[in-house]
PDB file of N, CA and C in Angstrom:
ATOM      1  N   MET A   1      20.946  43.087  33.591  1.00  0.00           N
ATOM      2  CA  MET A   1      19.785  43.123  34.453  1.00  0.00           C
ATOM      3  C   MET A   1      18.524  42.886  33.615  1.00  0.00           C
ATOM      4  N   GLU A   2      17.679  42.009  34.086  1.00  0.00           N
ATOM      5  CA  GLU A   2      16.462  41.639  33.365  1.00  0.00           C
ATOM      6  C   GLU A   2      15.377  42.684  33.596  1.00  0.00           C
ATOM      7  N   LYS A   3      14.746  43.119  32.499  1.00  0.00           N
ATOM      8  CA  LYS A   3      13.685  44.115  32.603  1.00  0.00           C
ATOM      9  C   LYS A   3      12.392  43.434  33.042  1.00  0.00           C
ATOM     10  N   LEU A   4      11.708  44.041  34.003  1.00  0.00           N
ATOM     11  CA  LEU A   4      10.409  43.548  34.439  1.00  0.00           C
ATOM     12  C   LEU A   4       9.328  44.250  33.630  1.00  0.00           C
ATOM     13  N   PHE A   5       8.460  43.473  33.036  1.00  0.00           N
ATOM     14  CA  PHE A   5       7.395  44.025  32.221  1.00  0.00           C
ATOM     15  C   PHE A   5       6.140  44.216  33.055  1.00  0.00           C
ATOM     16  N   THR A   6       5.403  45.270  32.758  1.00  0.00           N
ATOM     17  CA  THR A   6       4.126  45.479  33.429  1.00  0.00           C
ATOM     18  C   THR A   6       3.104  44.505  32.845  1.00  0.00           C
ATOM     19  N   ILE A   7       2.016  44.350  33.545  1.00  0.00           N
ATOM     20  CA  ILE A   7       0.945  43.474  33.050  1.00  0.00           C
ATOM     21  C   ILE A   7       0.455  43.980  31.689  1.00  0.00           C
ATOM     22  N   LYS A   8       0.296  45.284  31.551  1.00  0.00           N
ATOM     23  CA  LYS A   8      -0.172  45.840  30.274  1.00  0.00           C
ATOM     24  C   LYS A   8       0.784  45.501  29.137  1.00  0.00           C
ATOM     25  N   GLU A   9       2.077  45.573  29.396  1.00  0.00           N
ATOM     26  CA  GLU A   9       3.062  45.226  28.370  1.00  0.00           C
ATOM     27  C   GLU A   9       3.002  43.739  28.039  1.00  0.00           C
ATOM     28  N   GLN A  10       2.809  42.913  29.050  1.00  0.00           N
ATOM     29  CA  GLN A  10       2.698  41.471  28.814  1.00  0.00           C
ATOM     30  C   GLN A  10       1.431  41.152  28.032  1.00  0.00           C
ATOM     31  N   LEU A  11       0.322  41.816  28.356  1.00  0.00           N
ATOM     32  CA  LEU A  11      -0.927  41.582  27.633  1.00  0.00           C
ATOM     33  C   LEU A  11      -0.793  41.979  26.159  1.00  0.00           C
ATOM     34  N   ALA A  12      -0.042  43.014  25.888  1.00  0.00           N
ATOM     35  CA  ALA A  12       0.140  43.480  24.511  1.00  0.00           C
ATOM     36  C   ALA A  12       0.879  42.454  23.651  1.00  0.00           C
ATOM     37  N   THR A  13       1.619  41.560  24.270  1.00  0.00           N
ATOM     38  CA  THR A  13       2.364  40.549  23.508  1.00  0.00           C
ATOM     39  C   THR A  13       1.524  39.323  23.178  1.00  0.00           C
ATOM     40  N   LEU A  14       0.357  39.187  23.793  1.00  0.00           N
ATOM     41  CA  LEU A  14      -0.495  38.014  23.561  1.00  0.00           C
ATOM     42  C   LEU A  14      -1.232  38.176  22.241  1.00  0.00           C
ATOM     43  N   ASN A  15      -1.283  37.090  21.459  1.00  0.00           N
ATOM     44  CA  ASN A  15      -1.864  37.165  20.118  1.00  0.00           C
ATOM     45  C   ASN A  15      -3.289  36.665  20.022  1.00  0.00           C
ATOM     46  N   THR A  16      -3.695  35.779  20.903  1.00  0.00           N
ATOM     47  CA  THR A  16      -5.029  35.188  20.806  1.00  0.00           C
ATOM     48  C   THR A  16      -5.719  35.217  22.165  1.00  0.00           C
ATOM     49  N   VAL A  17      -7.018  35.000  22.136  1.00  0.00           N
ATOM     50  CA  VAL A  17      -7.776  34.932  23.382  1.00  0.00           C
ATOM     51  C   VAL A  17      -7.338  33.700  24.181  1.00  0.00           C
ATOM     52  N   MET A  18      -7.011  32.615  23.484  1.00  0.00           N
ATOM     53  CA  MET A  18      -6.535  31.415  24.191  1.00  0.00           C
ATOM     54  C   MET A  18      -5.210  31.710  24.898  1.00  0.00           C
ATOM     55  N   ASP A  19      -4.333  32.504  24.274  1.00  0.00           N
ATOM     56  CA  ASP A  19      -3.099  32.925  24.940  1.00  0.00           C
ATOM     57  C   ASP A  19      -3.415  33.714  26.207  1.00  0.00           C
ATOM     58  N   LEU A  20      -4.421  34.557  26.124  1.00  0.00           N
ATOM     59  CA  LEU A  20      -4.846  35.345  27.276  1.00  0.00           C
ATOM     60  C   LEU A  20      -5.331  34.436  28.405  1.00  0.00           C
ATOM     61  N   MET A  21      -6.153  33.462  28.049  1.00  0.00           N
ATOM     62  CA  MET A  21      -6.666  32.525  29.053  1.00  0.00           C
ATOM     63  C   MET A  21      -5.517  31.726  29.683  1.00  0.00           C
ATOM     64  N   ASN A  22      -4.568  31.293  28.872  1.00  0.00           N
ATOM     65  CA  ASN A  22      -3.411  30.554  29.388  1.00  0.00           C
ATOM     66  C   ASN A  22      -2.538  31.435  30.273  1.00  0.00           C
ATOM     67  N   PHE A  23      -2.352  32.689  29.889  1.00  0.00           N
ATOM     68  CA  PHE A  23      -1.540  33.619  30.676  1.00  0.00           C
ATOM     69  C   PHE A  23      -2.117  33.768  32.087  1.00  0.00           C
ATOM     70  N   PHE A  24      -3.438  33.808  32.183  1.00  0.00           N
ATOM     71  CA  PHE A  24      -4.085  33.957  33.481  1.00  0.00           C
ATOM     72  C   PHE A  24      -4.494  32.614  34.096  1.00  0.00           C
ATOM     73  N   GLU A  25      -4.022  31.523  33.493  1.00  0.00           N
ATOM     74  CA  GLU A  25      -4.224  30.172  34.025  1.00  0.00           C
ATOM     75  C   GLU A  25      -5.704  29.844  34.247  1.00  0.00           C
ATOM     76  N   ILE A  26      -6.514  30.147  33.232  1.00  0.00           N
ATOM     77  CA  ILE A  26      -7.939  29.856  33.272  1.00  0.00           C
ATOM     78  C   ILE A  26      -8.215  28.784  32.233  1.00  0.00           C
ATOM     79  N   ASP A  27      -8.747  27.660  32.683  1.00  0.00           N
ATOM     80  CA  ASP A  27      -9.061  26.565  31.777  1.00  0.00           C
ATOM     81  C   ASP A  27     -10.340  26.867  31.014  1.00  0.00           C
ATOM     82  N   CYS A  28     -10.318  26.623  29.725  1.00  0.00           N
ATOM     83  CA  CYS A  28     -11.511  26.753  28.904  1.00  0.00           C
ATOM     84  C   CYS A  28     -11.316  25.918  27.646  1.00  0.00           C
ATOM     85  N   GLU A  29     -12.407  25.673  26.972  1.00  0.00           N
ATOM     86  CA  GLU A  29     -12.363  24.865  25.758  1.00  0.00           C
ATOM     87  C   GLU A  29     -12.179  25.760  24.540  1.00  0.00           C
ATOM     88  N   GLN A  30     -11.466  25.257  23.562  1.00  0.00           N
ATOM     89  CA  GLN A  30     -11.228  26.003  22.329  1.00  0.00           C
ATOM     90  C   GLN A  30     -12.554  26.323  21.633  1.00  0.00           C
ATOM     91  N   ALA A  31     -13.522  25.425  21.718  1.00  0.00           N
ATOM     92  CA  ALA A  31     -14.823  25.663  21.079  1.00  0.00           C
ATOM     93  C   ALA A  31     -15.497  26.906  21.670  1.00  0.00           C
ATOM     94  N   PHE A  32     -15.375  27.094  22.981  1.00  0.00           N
ATOM     95  CA  PHE A  32     -15.934  28.283  23.623  1.00  0.00           C
ATOM     96  C   PHE A  32     -15.251  29.534  23.075  1.00  0.00           C
ATOM     97  N   ILE A  33     -13.927  29.496  22.996  1.00  0.00           N
ATOM     98  CA  ILE A  33     -13.157  30.638  22.501  1.00  0.00           C
ATOM     99  C   ILE A  33     -13.509  30.932  21.046  1.00  0.00           C
ATOM    100  N   ASP A  34     -13.689  29.895  20.250  1.00  0.00           N
ATOM    101  CA  ASP A  34     -14.048  30.082  18.840  1.00  0.00           C
ATOM    102  C   ASP A  34     -15.383  30.816  18.709  1.00  0.00           C
ATOM    103  N   CYS A  35     -16.331  30.488  19.567  1.00  0.00           N
ATOM    104  CA  CYS A  35     -17.667  31.097  19.489  1.00  0.00           C
ATOM    105  C   CYS A  35     -17.759  32.434  20.215  1.00  0.00           C
ATOM    106  N   TYR A  36     -17.142  32.546  21.372  1.00  0.00           N
ATOM    107  CA  TYR A  36     -17.363  33.696  22.245  1.00  0.00           C
ATOM    108  C   TYR A  36     -16.092  34.483  22.574  1.00  0.00           C
ATOM    109  N   GLY A  37     -14.993  34.176  21.918  1.00  0.00           N
ATOM    110  CA  GLY A  37     -13.723  34.830  22.226  1.00  0.00           C
ATOM    111  C   GLY A  37     -13.748  36.338  22.037  1.00  0.00           C
ATOM    112  N   GLU A  38     -14.339  36.797  20.936  1.00  0.00           N
ATOM    113  CA  GLU A  38     -14.401  38.235  20.687  1.00  0.00           C
ATOM    114  C   GLU A  38     -15.247  38.936  21.748  1.00  0.00           C
ATOM    115  N   ARG A  39     -16.365  38.333  22.074  1.00  0.00           N
ATOM    116  CA  ARG A  39     -17.246  38.892  23.116  1.00  0.00           C
ATOM    117  C   ARG A  39     -16.518  38.941  24.460  1.00  0.00           C
ATOM    118  N   LEU A  40     -15.809  37.874  24.790  1.00  0.00           N
ATOM    119  CA  LEU A  40     -15.051  37.821  26.033  1.00  0.00           C
ATOM    120  C   LEU A  40     -13.985  38.906  26.061  1.00  0.00           C
ATOM    121  N   LEU A  41     -13.280  39.086  24.977  1.00  0.00           N
ATOM    122  CA  LEU A  41     -12.229  40.096  24.906  1.00  0.00           C
ATOM    123  C   LEU A  41     -12.801  41.508  25.082  1.00  0.00           C
ATOM    124  N   LYS A  42     -13.938  41.779  24.452  1.00  0.00           N
ATOM    125  CA  LYS A  42     -14.583  43.087  24.593  1.00  0.00           C
ATOM    126  C   LYS A  42     -15.017  43.335  26.033  1.00  0.00           C
ATOM    127  N   ARG A  43     -15.621  42.332  26.646  1.00  0.00           N
ATOM    128  CA  ARG A  43     -16.077  42.481  28.033  1.00  0.00           C
ATOM    129  C   ARG A  43     -14.898  42.660  28.983  1.00  0.00           C
ATOM    130  N   PHE A  44     -13.833  41.913  28.757  1.00  0.00           N
ATOM    131  CA  PHE A  44     -12.630  42.018  29.589  1.00  0.00           C
ATOM    132  C   PHE A  44     -11.997  43.399  29.434  1.00  0.00           C
ATOM    133  N   SER A  45     -11.899  43.885  28.213  1.00  0.00           N
ATOM    134  CA  SER A  45     -11.324  45.217  27.972  1.00  0.00           C
ATOM    135  C   SER A  45     -12.152  46.298  28.660  1.00  0.00           C
ATOM    136  N   GLY A  46     -13.473  46.168  28.594  1.00  0.00           N
ATOM    137  CA  GLY A  46     -14.350  47.122  29.268  1.00  0.00           C
ATOM    138  C   GLY A  46     -14.189  47.071  30.776  1.00  0.00           C
ATOM    139  N   ALA A  47     -14.060  45.868  31.315  1.00  0.00           N
ATOM    140  CA  ALA A  47     -13.881  45.710  32.755  1.00  0.00           C
ATOM    141  C   ALA A  47     -12.565  46.336  33.216  1.00  0.00           C
ATOM    142  N   ILE A  48     -11.531  46.226  32.395  1.00  0.00           N
ATOM    143  CA  ILE A  48     -10.238  46.837  32.723  1.00  0.00           C
ATOM    144  C   ILE A  48     -10.390  48.359  32.806  1.00  0.00           C
ATOM    145  N   LEU A  49     -11.100  48.933  31.853  1.00  0.00           N
ATOM    146  CA  LEU A  49     -11.296  50.385  31.851  1.00  0.00           C
ATOM    147  C   LEU A  49     -12.075  50.855  33.078  1.00  0.00           C
ATOM    148  N   ILE A  50     -13.061  50.083  33.480  1.00  0.00           N
ATOM    149  CA  ILE A  50     -13.903  50.471  34.611  1.00  0.00           C
ATOM    150  C   ILE A  50     -13.201  50.242  35.951  1.00  0.00           C
ATOM    151  N   LYS A  51     -12.621  49.062  36.136  1.00  0.00           N
ATOM    152  CA  LYS A  51     -12.062  48.675  37.445  1.00  0.00           C
ATOM    153  C   LYS A  51     -10.617  49.117  37.668  1.00  0.00           C
ATOM    154  N   LYS A  52      -9.871  49.309  36.595  1.00  0.00           N
ATOM    155  CA  LYS A  52      -8.458  49.697  36.682  1.00  0.00           C
ATOM    156  C   LYS A  52      -7.656  48.787  37.629  1.00  0.00           C
ATOM    157  N   PRO A  53      -7.499  47.521  37.234  1.00  0.00           N
ATOM    158  CA  PRO A  53      -6.787  46.562  38.092  1.00  0.00           C
ATOM    159  C   PRO A  53      -5.315  46.931  38.270  1.00  0.00           C
ATOM    160  N   ASN A  54      -4.757  46.507  39.402  1.00  0.00           N
ATOM    161  CA  ASN A  54      -3.374  46.856  39.739  1.00  0.00           C
ATOM    162  C   ASN A  54      -2.381  45.724  39.551  1.00  0.00           C
ATOM    163  N   ASP A  55      -2.836  44.496  39.671  1.00  0.00           N
ATOM    164  CA  ASP A  55      -1.889  43.385  39.606  1.00  0.00           C
ATOM    165  C   ASP A  55      -2.475  42.218  38.833  1.00  0.00           C
ATOM    166  N   TRP A  56      -1.661  41.181  38.664  1.00  0.00           N
ATOM    167  CA  TRP A  56      -2.034  40.001  37.893  1.00  0.00           C
ATOM    168  C   TRP A  56      -3.314  39.372  38.424  1.00  0.00           C
ATOM    169  N   PHE A  57      -3.438  39.307  39.733  1.00  0.00           N
ATOM    170  CA  PHE A  57      -4.600  38.653  40.350  1.00  0.00           C
ATOM    171  C   PHE A  57      -5.889  39.417  40.073  1.00  0.00           C
ATOM    172  N   GLU A  58      -5.826  40.736  40.092  1.00  0.00           N
ATOM    173  CA  GLU A  58      -7.015  41.535  39.789  1.00  0.00           C
ATOM    174  C   GLU A  58      -7.402  41.406  38.322  1.00  0.00           C
ATOM    175  N   TYR A  59      -6.425  41.397  37.423  1.00  0.00           N
ATOM    176  CA  TYR A  59      -6.710  41.165  36.005  1.00  0.00           C
ATOM    177  C   TYR A  59      -7.335  39.786  35.810  1.00  0.00           C
ATOM    178  N   ARG A  60      -6.771  38.793  36.468  1.00  0.00           N
ATOM    179  CA  ARG A  60      -7.288  37.428  36.352  1.00  0.00           C
ATOM    180  C   ARG A  60      -8.733  37.355  36.832  1.00  0.00           C
ATOM    181  N   ARG A  61      -9.004  37.999  37.958  1.00  0.00           N
ATOM    182  CA  ARG A  61     -10.362  37.984  38.502  1.00  0.00           C
ATOM    183  C   ARG A  61     -11.340  38.618  37.512  1.00  0.00           C
ATOM    184  N   LEU A  62     -10.957  39.719  36.887  1.00  0.00           N
ATOM    185  CA  LEU A  62     -11.824  40.364  35.899  1.00  0.00           C
ATOM    186  C   LEU A  62     -12.096  39.451  34.710  1.00  0.00           C
ATOM    187  N   LEU A  63     -11.053  38.814  34.189  1.00  0.00           N
ATOM    188  CA  LEU A  63     -11.225  37.909  33.054  1.00  0.00           C
ATOM    189  C   LEU A  63     -12.097  36.721  33.437  1.00  0.00           C
ATOM    190  N   LYS A  64     -11.840  36.147  34.584  1.00  0.00           N
ATOM    191  CA  LYS A  64     -12.618  34.991  35.046  1.00  0.00           C
ATOM    192  C   LYS A  64     -14.083  35.372  35.241  1.00  0.00           C
ATOM    193  N   ASN A  65     -14.339  36.551  35.804  1.00  0.00           N
ATOM    194  CA  ASN A  65     -15.715  36.995  36.002  1.00  0.00           C
ATOM    195  C   ASN A  65     -16.446  37.161  34.675  1.00  0.00           C
ATOM    196  N   GLU A  66     -15.779  37.729  33.686  1.00  0.00           N
ATOM    197  CA  GLU A  66     -16.423  37.902  32.377  1.00  0.00           C
ATOM    198  C   GLU A  66     -16.641  36.560  31.691  1.00  0.00           C
ATOM    199  N   TYR A  67     -15.688  35.673  31.822  1.00  0.00           N
ATOM    200  CA  TYR A  67     -15.838  34.316  31.289  1.00  0.00           C
ATOM    201  C   TYR A  67     -17.053  33.628  31.919  1.00  0.00           C
ATOM    202  N   CYS A  68     -17.181  33.749  33.229  1.00  0.00           N
ATOM    203  CA  CYS A  68     -18.313  33.137  33.925  1.00  0.00           C
ATOM    204  C   CYS A  68     -19.636  33.790  33.538  1.00  0.00           C
ATOM    205  N   ARG A  69     -19.639  35.107  33.368  1.00  0.00           N
ATOM    206  CA  ARG A  69     -20.873  35.788  32.965  1.00  0.00           C
ATOM    207  C   ARG A  69     -21.368  35.280  31.618  1.00  0.00           C
ATOM    208  N   ILE A  70     -20.457  35.097  30.692  1.00  0.00           N
ATOM    209  CA  ILE A  70     -20.858  34.574  29.383  1.00  0.00           C
ATOM    210  C   ILE A  70     -21.373  33.148  29.529  1.00  0.00           C
ATOM    211  N   ASN A  71     -20.674  32.325  30.299  1.00  0.00           N
ATOM    212  CA  ASN A  71     -21.130  30.947  30.526  1.00  0.00           C
ATOM    213  C   ASN A  71     -22.511  30.913  31.162  1.00  0.00           C
ATOM    214  N   ARG A  72     -22.746  31.762  32.149  1.00  0.00           N
ATOM    215  CA  ARG A  72     -24.051  31.792  32.814  1.00  0.00           C
ATOM    216  C   ARG A  72     -25.142  32.250  31.864  1.00  0.00           C
ATOM    217  N   SER A  73     -24.816  33.162  30.936  1.00  0.00           N
ATOM    218  CA  SER A  73     -25.825  33.648  29.994  1.00  0.00           C
ATOM    219  C   SER A  73     -26.242  32.561  29.004  1.00  0.00           C
ATOM    220  N   LEU A  74     -25.429  31.524  28.868  1.00  0.00           N
ATOM    221  CA  LEU A  74     -25.732  30.445  27.926  1.00  0.00           C
ATOM    222  C   LEU A  74     -26.620  29.368  28.534  1.00  0.00           C
ATOM    223  N   ARG A  75     -26.830  29.424  29.827  1.00  0.00           N
ATOM    224  CA  ARG A  75     -27.655  28.416  30.495  1.00  0.00           C
ATOM    225  C   ARG A  75     -29.117  28.586  30.093  1.00  0.00           C
ATOM    226  N   PRO A  76     -29.868  27.500  30.068  1.00  0.00           N
ATOM    227  CA  PRO A  76     -31.291  27.603  29.736  1.00  0.00           C
ATOM    228  C   PRO A  76     -32.007  28.516  30.727  1.00  0.00           C
ATOM    229  N   LYS A  77     -32.882  29.365  30.221  1.00  0.00           N
ATOM    230  CA  LYS A  77     -33.587  30.327  31.066  1.00  0.00           C
ATOM    231  C   LYS A  77     -34.610  29.664  31.987  1.00  0.00           C
ATOM    232  N   ASP A  78     -35.130  28.493  31.595  1.00  0.00           N
ATOM    233  CA  ASP A  78     -36.144  27.824  32.407  1.00  0.00           C
ATOM    234  C   ASP A  78     -35.541  26.909  33.471  1.00  0.00           C
ATOM    235  N   GLY A  79     -34.242  26.767  33.471  1.00  0.00           N
ATOM    236  CA  GLY A  79     -33.567  25.917  34.454  1.00  0.00           C
ATOM    237  C   GLY A  79     -33.223  26.696  35.708  1.00  0.00           C
ATOM    238  N   ARG A  80     -32.267  26.181  36.445  1.00  0.00           N
ATOM    239  CA  ARG A  80     -31.806  26.862  37.656  1.00  0.00           C
ATOM    240  C   ARG A  80     -31.276  28.239  37.305  1.00  0.00           C
ATOM    241  N   SER A  81     -31.662  29.226  38.088  1.00  0.00           N
ATOM    242  CA  SER A  81     -31.193  30.572  37.810  1.00  0.00           C
ATOM    243  C   SER A  81     -29.830  30.841  38.442  1.00  0.00           C
ATOM    244  N   ALA A  82     -29.519  30.127  39.507  1.00  0.00           N
ATOM    245  CA  ALA A  82     -28.239  30.343  40.184  1.00  0.00           C
ATOM    246  C   ALA A  82     -27.125  29.604  39.459  1.00  0.00           C
ATOM    247  N   CYS A  83     -25.995  30.232  39.410  1.00  0.00           N
ATOM    248  CA  CYS A  83     -24.823  29.607  38.796  1.00  0.00           C
ATOM    249  C   CYS A  83     -24.297  28.524  39.721  1.00  0.00           C
ATOM    250  N   ARG A  84     -24.038  27.364  39.168  1.00  0.00           N
ATOM    251  CA  ARG A  84     -23.434  26.289  39.955  1.00  0.00           C
ATOM    252  C   ARG A  84     -21.926  26.438  39.998  1.00  0.00           C
ATOM    253  N   GLY A  85     -21.399  27.298  39.159  1.00  0.00           N
ATOM    254  CA  GLY A  85     -19.979  27.611  39.176  1.00  0.00           C
ATOM    255  C   GLY A  85     -19.123  26.589  38.443  1.00  0.00           C
ATOM    256  N   CYS A  86     -18.006  27.073  37.998  1.00  0.00           N
ATOM    257  CA  CYS A  86     -17.004  26.205  37.390  1.00  0.00           C
ATOM    258  C   CYS A  86     -16.190  25.580  38.505  1.00  0.00           C
ATOM    259  N   LEU A  87     -15.402  24.601  38.179  1.00  0.00           N
ATOM    260  CA  LEU A  87     -14.585  23.954  39.204  1.00  0.00           C
ATOM    261  C   LEU A  87     -13.594  24.926  39.840  1.00  0.00           C
ATOM    262  N   SER A  88     -13.137  25.903  39.081  1.00  0.00           N
ATOM    263  CA  SER A  88     -12.151  26.847  39.608  1.00  0.00           C
ATOM    264  C   SER A  88     -12.768  28.215  39.923  1.00  0.00           C
ATOM    265  N   CYS A  89     -14.082  28.275  40.035  1.00  0.00           N
ATOM    266  CA  CYS A  89     -14.776  29.564  40.182  1.00  0.00           C
ATOM    267  C   CYS A  89     -14.503  30.214  41.536  1.00  0.00           C
ATOM    268  N   GLU A  90     -14.245  31.519  41.518  1.00  0.00           N
ATOM    269  CA  GLU A  90     -14.051  32.272  42.753  1.00  0.00           C
ATOM    270  C   GLU A  90     -15.381  32.565  43.434  1.00  0.00           C
ATOM    271  N   ARG A  91     -16.481  32.336  42.751  1.00  0.00           N
ATOM    272  CA  ARG A  91     -17.808  32.654  43.301  1.00  0.00           C
ATOM    273  C   ARG A  91     -18.318  31.561  44.234  1.00  0.00           C
ATOM    274  N   ARG A  92     -17.660  30.401  44.267  1.00  0.00           N
ATOM    275  CA  ARG A  92     -18.122  29.285  45.095  1.00  0.00           C
ATOM    276  C   ARG A  92     -18.009  29.630  46.550  1.00  0.00           C
TER     277      ARG A  92
END
């Protein structure tokens, strides 16, 4: 009989932030991960502690939201203030 792993157990097996993004099927560029991966991981870990997600979809939503928050913070301050969203953004 095959053992079913919890999301937490599956997350513990991931070695890199890019592995995390791939696990949750979120497209991103390696350059972004190289620059902001640690920040993204910290924000995602904090969001997990606060929201206490129950399933894969809730974890994915938390990671995607933190990814988008970092992306939005990189936009020029004098430009549009509203996020135009990523192609796969849940905020659209």
